[in-house]
Amino acid sequence: MFAGETYLCPGCGKAVYFAEKVMSLGRNWHRPCLRCVRCKKTLTPGGHAEHEGSPYCHVPCYGYLFGPKGELFIFRIECAHNLSGPHWVHLLSFSPHPPACHDL
């Protein structure tokens, strides 16, 4: 970049000058404009995820939008294998049905 040359910030569309730029995703941004597309949290260059050229925070947004899909089951297990009494179990399952107690 030559003296006086500017780039447009992908976040706000305004000129980014050398003293105020941060580089991320191959483009120059104003520091406050580098934000998660979903939750608007301010991000640091190299410390965020990217999807189709847009920045996302790793947790929770990128994982929620683009991570594996499943259902969260919370259920009580009581069976002969559990002699110490019932327990509450939180299980992320990639099946529409919770597993049987002998599968745990």
Protein backbone atom coordinates (compact mmCIF):
# COMPACT_ATOMS: atom_id res chain seq x y z
CA MET A 1 0.00 0.00 0.00
CA PHE A 2 1.41 3.35 -1.00
CA ALA A 3 1.11 6.52 1.06
CA GLY A 4 -2.37 7.91 0.68
CA GLU A 5 -3.79 4.67 -0.78
CA THR A 6 -6.85 3.38 1.05
CA TYR A 7 -9.03 0.30 1.05
CA LEU A 8 -12.71 -0.01 1.85
CA CYS A 9 -13.66 -1.81 5.06
CA PRO A 10 -15.89 -4.84 4.37
CA GLY A 11 -17.74 -4.11 7.61
CA CYS A 12 -18.80 -0.50 7.06
CA GLY A 13 -17.76 0.29 3.49
CA LYS A 14 -15.68 3.32 4.54
CA ALA A 15 -12.00 3.98 3.84
CA VAL A 16 -9.47 2.16 6.03
CA TYR A 17 -6.25 4.08 6.57
CA PHE A 18 -2.93 2.47 7.42
CA ALA A 19 -2.88 3.53 11.09
CA GLU A 20 -6.31 2.05 11.82
CA LYS A 21 -6.33 -1.16 9.79
CA VAL A 22 -6.40 -4.77 10.93
CA MET A 23 -5.96 -7.52 8.35
CA SER A 24 -8.26 -10.52 8.37
CA LEU A 25 -9.71 -12.83 5.72
CA GLY A 26 -7.35 -11.21 3.21
CA ARG A 27 -8.93 -7.78 3.63
CA ASN A 28 -8.33 -4.62 5.66
CA TRP A 29 -10.88 -3.80 8.37
CA HIS A 30 -11.40 -1.13 10.99
CA ARG A 31 -10.82 -2.90 14.32
CA PRO A 32 -14.39 -2.27 15.58
CA CYS A 33 -15.88 -3.44 12.26
CA LEU A 34 -14.33 -6.93 12.47
CA ARG A 35 -17.35 -8.53 14.14
CA CYS A 36 -19.16 -11.86 14.16
CA VAL A 37 -21.87 -11.77 11.51
CA ARG A 38 -24.37 -13.43 13.87
CA CYS A 39 -23.81 -12.04 17.40
CA LYS A 40 -21.81 -8.88 16.52
CA LYS A 41 -19.02 -9.69 19.03
CA THR A 42 -15.77 -7.87 18.15
CA LEU A 43 -13.19 -10.36 16.83
CA THR A 44 -9.41 -10.41 16.69
CA PRO A 45 -7.54 -11.12 13.45
CA GLY A 46 -6.70 -14.83 13.24
CA GLY A 47 -8.85 -15.59 16.31
CA HIS A 48 -12.14 -16.31 14.61
CA ALA A 49 -13.81 -18.68 12.19
CA GLU A 50 -14.78 -17.93 8.60
CA HIS A 51 -17.59 -19.18 6.39
CA GLU A 52 -17.96 -18.04 2.77
CA GLY A 53 -15.72 -15.02 3.42
CA SER A 54 -17.61 -13.77 6.49
CA PRO A 55 -16.23 -13.74 10.06
CA TYR A 56 -17.86 -15.68 12.93
CA CYS A 57 -16.86 -16.21 16.55
CA HIS A 58 -15.90 -19.85 17.17
CA VAL A 59 -18.24 -20.31 20.14
CA PRO A 60 -21.14 -20.29 19.96
CA CYS A 61 -21.99 -18.91 16.52
CA TYR A 62 -19.84 -20.88 14.06
CA GLY A 63 -20.49 -24.17 15.84
CA TYR A 64 -24.21 -23.47 16.09
CA LEU A 65 -24.61 -22.48 12.46
CA PHE A 66 -22.18 -24.79 10.70
CA GLY A 67 -21.22 -27.55 13.17
CA PRO A 68 -22.75 -31.01 13.41
CA LYS A 69 -26.48 -31.05 13.95
CA GLY A 70 -27.99 -33.15 16.71
CA GLU A 71 -30.51 -33.03 19.46
CA LEU A 72 -29.81 -32.58 23.15
CA PHE A 73 -31.50 -35.21 25.26
CA ILE A 74 -31.75 -34.87 29.02
CA PHE A 75 -33.15 -37.97 30.62
CA ARG A 76 -33.03 -40.03 33.76
CA ILE A 77 -31.38 -43.43 33.65
CA GLU A 78 -32.39 -46.22 35.99
CA CYS A 79 -31.33 -49.72 35.16
CA ALA A 80 -29.72 -52.82 36.61
CA HIS A 81 -26.29 -51.62 35.42
CA ASN A 82 -26.57 -48.56 37.65
CA LEU A 83 -26.57 -49.90 41.19
CA SER A 84 -25.81 -46.56 42.86
CA GLY A 85 -29.20 -45.05 41.98
CA PRO A 86 -30.63 -42.90 39.19
CA HIS A 87 -28.60 -40.20 37.50
CA TRP A 88 -29.40 -37.32 35.19
CA VAL A 89 -27.46 -37.57 31.97
CA HIS A 90 -26.90 -34.88 29.36
CA LEU A 91 -26.16 -36.43 26.00
CA LEU A 92 -25.63 -34.87 22.61
CA SER A 93 -26.95 -37.50 20.27
CA PHE A 94 -26.86 -37.53 16.49
CA SER A 95 -29.90 -39.76 16.45
CA PRO A 96 -33.52 -38.68 16.77
CA HIS A 97 -33.96 -41.17 19.64
CA PRO A 98 -32.04 -41.34 22.93
CA PRO A 99 -30.02 -44.53 23.46
CA ALA A 100 -31.21 -47.36 25.65
CA CYS A 101 -29.59 -47.57 29.08
CA HIS A 102 -27.46 -50.59 28.10
CA ASP A 103 -25.94 -48.54 25.25
CA LEU A 104 -24.34 -46.04 27.65
